[in-house]
Amino acid sequence: RNAQIGFARCVEESRGSARSADIFGMEWDRALSGALSMVNEKEKKRKESTGDIKSNILVPFKLSDSIAPAPTSIRGYLPSDGIGVIWGAPSSFKSFLSLDMAISIASGIEWHKRRVKRGIVWYLAGEGQSGTERRVRAWMQEHDIKQDAIDGHLFYTPKSLLINETSGEPTPHINALLGEIKNGNIPSHIFVDTIARTMSGDENTSKDMGAYIRAIEVLIDAIRDAGESVCVV
């Protein structure tokens, strides 16, 4: 824009002299061409220094034309991937809620009038194992479904397990689950009930919770291609 203004001023000053106007015109043309070449060269170097770098850590950020909503397994409530948390006061029916979601996903029926994406569910029960089967039976009776609706889609741990060592490393229990995944038993959803019963350390400290989440992420990485989701209570 400054070049255009300068060129117009030169033309005005040289009015009446066609030769002067031609000279000014050629000079400004060369100046603009040089400026454009300089800009293009800088842009090329910038791209070479950033956009073409092959990296396993950094990727270029690009805005998409539209932002699609995050995929969910229970529409509007449970994400299809990543880590979710069900939290609340003691005795506020958190375990009932998580088991309700888990069986809905395993059977593929609607969850309180919300569409559900059916999948294979692991329910890692850290407390109340003796009541898990009774709760599942009651749920199936309430929804009038039979055993074959959940066959091959719902699995649970009859004994409590430990997710993380205090160092943040996965425990033998997690390594055993990784072995199941390696053998082809791949879940799409894992519910962990509860954090307090499955972690080493204090759930109210950032250090111990960080170690716990790192161990959980080992499971997520192992089921990355299955539309993975881990929900902890």
Protein backbone atom coordinates (compact mmCIF):
# COMPACT_ATOMS: atom_id res chain seq x y z
CA ARG A 1 0.00 0.00 0.00
CA ASN A 2 2.86 2.40 0.82
CA ALA A 3 4.43 1.61 -2.55
CA GLN A 4 1.16 2.46 -4.32
CA ILE A 5 0.93 5.79 -2.50
CA GLY A 6 4.56 6.59 -3.32
CA PHE A 7 4.08 5.74 -6.97
CA ALA A 8 0.98 7.96 -7.20
CA ARG A 9 2.92 10.84 -5.60
CA CYS A 10 5.77 10.45 -8.11
CA VAL A 11 3.33 10.42 -11.02
CA GLU A 12 1.73 13.59 -9.67
CA GLU A 13 5.12 15.30 -9.32
CA SER A 14 6.15 14.31 -12.85
CA ARG A 15 2.88 15.34 -14.46
CA GLY A 16 3.51 16.73 -17.92
CA SER A 17 6.66 14.66 -18.40
CA ALA A 18 5.86 11.25 -19.87
CA ARG A 19 9.50 10.21 -19.74
CA SER A 20 9.79 10.97 -15.99
CA ALA A 21 6.58 9.09 -15.33
CA ASP A 22 7.90 6.05 -17.23
CA ILE A 23 11.15 6.11 -15.23
CA PHE A 24 9.31 6.36 -11.94
CA GLY A 25 6.98 3.58 -13.04
CA MET A 26 9.90 1.25 -13.85
CA GLU A 27 11.63 2.03 -10.55
CA TRP A 28 8.52 1.31 -8.51
CA ASP A 29 7.87 -1.86 -10.46
CA ARG A 30 11.39 -3.08 -9.66
CA ALA A 31 10.94 -2.10 -6.00
CA LEU A 32 7.65 -3.99 -5.72
CA SER A 33 9.08 -7.05 -7.48
CA GLY A 34 12.06 -7.03 -5.14
CA ALA A 35 9.86 -6.71 -2.07
CA LEU A 36 7.66 -9.59 -3.26
CA SER A 37 10.70 -11.77 -3.88
CA MET A 38 12.01 -10.99 -0.39
CA VAL A 39 8.66 -11.88 1.21
CA ASN A 40 8.43 -15.12 -0.77
CA GLU A 41 11.97 -16.08 0.21
CA LYS A 42 11.28 -15.45 3.90
CA GLU A 43 8.07 -17.48 3.72
CA LYS A 44 9.90 -20.33 2.02
CA LYS A 45 12.57 -20.38 4.73
CA ARG A 46 9.91 -20.26 7.44
CA LYS A 47 8.13 -23.28 5.98
CA GLU A 48 11.40 -25.14 5.60
CA SER A 49 12.23 -24.46 9.24
CA THR A 50 8.84 -25.50 10.66
CA GLY A 51 6.32 -27.14 8.38
CA ASP A 52 8.47 -29.86 6.88
CA ILE A 53 10.12 -31.04 10.08
CA LYS A 54 9.37 -34.68 10.78
CA SER A 55 8.65 -35.04 14.50
CA ASN A 56 7.09 -37.64 16.77
CA ILE A 57 6.32 -34.99 19.37
CA LEU A 58 5.23 -31.83 17.54
CA VAL A 59 2.60 -31.52 14.81
CA PRO A 60 1.47 -28.34 13.04
CA PHE A 61 -1.83 -26.93 14.26
CA LYS A 62 -4.42 -26.50 11.51
CA LEU A 63 -7.93 -25.18 11.93
CA SER A 64 -10.55 -27.36 10.32
CA ASP A 65 -13.43 -25.94 8.29
CA SER A 66 -15.89 -27.19 10.90
CA ILE A 67 -15.63 -28.43 14.46
CA ALA A 68 -17.34 -31.77 14.88
CA PRO A 69 -18.67 -32.70 18.34
CA ALA A 70 -16.56 -35.17 20.28
CA PRO A 71 -17.69 -38.77 19.65
CA THR A 72 -19.64 -40.33 22.50
CA SER A 73 -20.67 -43.85 23.45
CA ILE A 74 -23.63 -42.53 25.42
CA ARG A 75 -24.82 -39.44 23.58
CA GLY A 76 -24.08 -36.30 25.56
CA TYR A 77 -22.60 -38.08 28.57
CA LEU A 78 -19.80 -40.59 28.03
CA PRO A 79 -16.92 -39.89 25.62
CA SER A 80 -15.82 -42.61 23.21
CA ASP A 81 -12.16 -42.03 23.98
CA GLY A 82 -9.93 -40.65 26.71
CA ILE A 83 -10.53 -40.61 30.46
CA GLY A 84 -13.83 -39.77 32.12
CA VAL A 85 -14.65 -39.38 35.82
CA ILE A 86 -17.81 -40.09 37.79
CA TRP A 87 -17.49 -38.32 41.13
CA GLY A 88 -19.72 -37.47 44.05
CA ALA A 89 -20.29 -37.76 47.78
CA PRO A 90 -20.12 -41.15 49.51
CA SER A 91 -23.25 -43.28 49.10
CA SER A 92 -24.51 -41.16 46.20
CA PHE A 93 -24.95 -44.23 43.94
CA LYS A 94 -21.83 -43.64 41.81
CA SER A 95 -21.23 -47.38 41.43
CA PHE A 96 -24.87 -47.95 40.45
CA LEU A 97 -24.54 -45.23 37.83
CA SER A 98 -21.30 -46.56 36.36
CA LEU A 99 -22.61 -50.13 36.25
CA ASP A 100 -25.81 -48.86 34.64
CA MET A 101 -23.72 -47.25 31.88
CA ALA A 102 -21.48 -50.30 31.52
CA ILE A 103 -24.32 -52.78 31.01
CA SER A 104 -26.12 -50.42 28.63
CA ILE A 105 -23.01 -50.27 26.44
CA ALA A 106 -22.44 -54.04 26.67
CA SER A 107 -26.05 -54.81 25.70
CA GLY A 108 -26.47 -51.93 23.26
CA ILE A 109 -29.79 -50.73 24.69
CA GLU A 110 -30.57 -47.06 25.31
CA TRP A 111 -29.34 -45.45 28.50
CA HIS A 112 -32.22 -43.38 29.88
CA LYS A 113 -33.45 -42.54 26.37
CA ARG A 114 -29.93 -41.76 25.14
CA ARG A 115 -28.50 -43.59 22.17
CA VAL A 116 -25.68 -46.00 23.00
CA LYS A 117 -22.79 -47.29 20.92
CA ARG A 118 -22.43 -50.96 21.77
CA GLY A 119 -19.00 -52.28 22.72
CA ILE A 120 -17.01 -54.67 24.87
CA VAL A 121 -16.82 -53.51 28.49
CA TRP A 122 -14.42 -54.38 31.27
CA TYR A 123 -15.72 -53.53 34.72
CA LEU A 124 -12.81 -53.43 37.17
CA ALA A 125 -14.68 -53.72 40.46
CA GLY A 126 -12.50 -52.62 43.34
CA GLU A 127 -15.26 -52.82 45.94
CA GLY A 128 -18.51 -54.67 46.41
CA GLN A 129 -17.56 -57.62 44.20
CA SER A 130 -20.04 -59.84 46.00
CA GLY A 131 -22.86 -57.51 44.99
CA THR A 132 -21.83 -57.01 41.37
CA GLU A 133 -23.56 -60.13 40.06
CA ARG A 134 -26.75 -59.36 41.98
CA ARG A 135 -26.78 -55.82 40.59
CA VAL A 136 -26.31 -57.08 37.03
CA ARG A 137 -29.11 -59.64 37.48
CA ALA A 138 -31.44 -56.95 38.85
CA TRP A 139 -30.57 -54.61 35.95
CA MET A 140 -31.27 -57.31 33.35
CA GLN A 141 -34.55 -58.20 35.04
CA GLU A 142 -35.60 -54.53 35.09
CA HIS A 143 -34.80 -54.15 31.37
CA ASP A 144 -36.20 -57.57 30.45
CA ILE A 145 -33.07 -58.84 28.69
CA LYS A 146 -31.45 -62.28 28.75
CA GLN A 147 -27.92 -63.52 29.25
CA ASP A 148 -27.21 -63.65 25.52
CA ALA A 149 -27.57 -59.83 25.33
CA ILE A 150 -24.31 -59.38 27.22
CA ASP A 151 -22.44 -62.57 26.30
CA GLY A 152 -18.97 -61.70 25.04
CA HIS A 153 -19.49 -58.01 25.82
CA LEU A 154 -19.37 -57.65 29.61
CA PHE A 155 -16.44 -58.76 31.79
CA TYR A 156 -15.63 -57.92 35.41
CA THR A 157 -12.95 -58.63 37.99
CA PRO A 158 -14.20 -60.80 40.87
CA LYS A 159 -11.30 -59.61 43.03
CA SER A 160 -9.97 -56.11 43.64
CA LEU A 161 -6.87 -55.06 41.73
CA LEU A 162 -4.19 -52.39 41.92
CA ILE A 163 -3.69 -49.98 39.02
CA ASN A 164 -0.40 -48.28 39.89
CA GLU A 165 2.72 -48.55 41.97
CA THR A 166 3.64 -45.50 44.05
CA SER A 167 6.30 -44.76 41.43
CA GLY A 168 3.60 -44.53 38.76
CA GLU A 169 4.58 -47.78 37.09
CA PRO A 170 1.79 -50.23 36.13
CA THR A 171 1.25 -53.12 38.54
CA PRO A 172 1.26 -56.86 37.74
CA HIS A 173 -2.55 -56.61 37.54
CA ILE A 174 -2.30 -54.03 34.73
CA ASN A 175 0.36 -56.11 32.98
CA ALA A 176 -2.03 -59.07 33.13
CA LEU A 177 -4.77 -56.96 31.50
CA LEU A 178 -2.27 -55.88 28.84
CA GLY A 179 -1.66 -59.57 28.19
CA GLU A 180 -5.41 -60.06 27.64
CA ILE A 181 -5.39 -57.21 25.12
CA LYS A 182 -2.36 -58.65 23.36
CA ASN A 183 -4.21 -61.96 23.04
CA GLY A 184 -7.11 -60.26 21.26
CA ASN A 185 -9.51 -59.60 24.14
CA ILE A 186 -9.82 -55.88 23.40
CA PRO A 187 -12.40 -53.73 25.24
CA SER A 188 -13.85 -50.50 23.94
CA HIS A 189 -14.61 -49.28 27.47
CA ILE A 190 -13.07 -49.85 30.86
CA PHE A 191 -14.83 -48.79 34.07
CA VAL A 192 -12.72 -48.56 37.23
CA ASP A 193 -14.76 -48.64 40.45
CA THR A 194 -13.30 -46.95 42.52
CA ILE A 195 -10.10 -44.90 42.39
CA ALA A 196 -9.58 -45.19 46.16
CA ARG A 197 -9.72 -49.00 46.05
CA THR A 198 -7.47 -49.42 43.01
CA MET A 199 -4.64 -46.93 43.56
CA SER A 200 -1.43 -46.77 45.57
CA GLY A 201 -1.29 -43.48 47.46
CA ASP A 202 -3.74 -40.72 48.29
CA GLU A 203 -6.34 -39.71 45.70
CA ASN A 204 -6.34 -36.18 47.16
CA THR A 205 -2.70 -35.46 46.27
CA SER A 206 -1.64 -34.37 42.78
CA LYS A 207 1.54 -36.48 42.88
CA ASP A 208 -0.25 -39.76 43.60
CA MET A 209 -3.09 -38.99 41.20
CA GLY A 210 -0.55 -38.18 38.50
CA ALA A 211 1.04 -41.60 39.00
CA TYR A 212 -2.39 -43.22 38.84
CA ILE A 213 -3.37 -41.45 35.62
CA ARG A 214 -0.06 -42.43 33.99
CA ALA A 215 -0.81 -46.08 34.73
CA ILE A 216 -4.35 -45.67 33.35
CA GLU A 217 -2.89 -44.18 30.17
CA VAL A 218 -0.95 -47.40 29.63
CA LEU A 219 -4.31 -49.14 29.23
CA ILE A 220 -5.60 -46.40 26.92
CA ASP A 221 -2.56 -46.67 24.67
CA ALA A 222 -3.05 -50.44 24.46
CA ILE A 223 -6.64 -50.13 23.23
CA ARG A 224 -6.11 -47.00 21.13
CA ASP A 225 -7.57 -48.54 17.96
CA ALA A 226 -10.78 -49.77 19.60
CA GLY A 227 -12.33 -46.36 20.31
CA GLU A 228 -10.98 -46.54 23.82
CA SER A 229 -12.51 -44.98 26.91
CA VAL A 230 -11.63 -45.37 30.58
CA CYS A 231 -14.11 -44.12 33.14
CA VAL A 232 -13.01 -43.97 36.77
CA VAL A 233 -15.27 -43.59 39.78
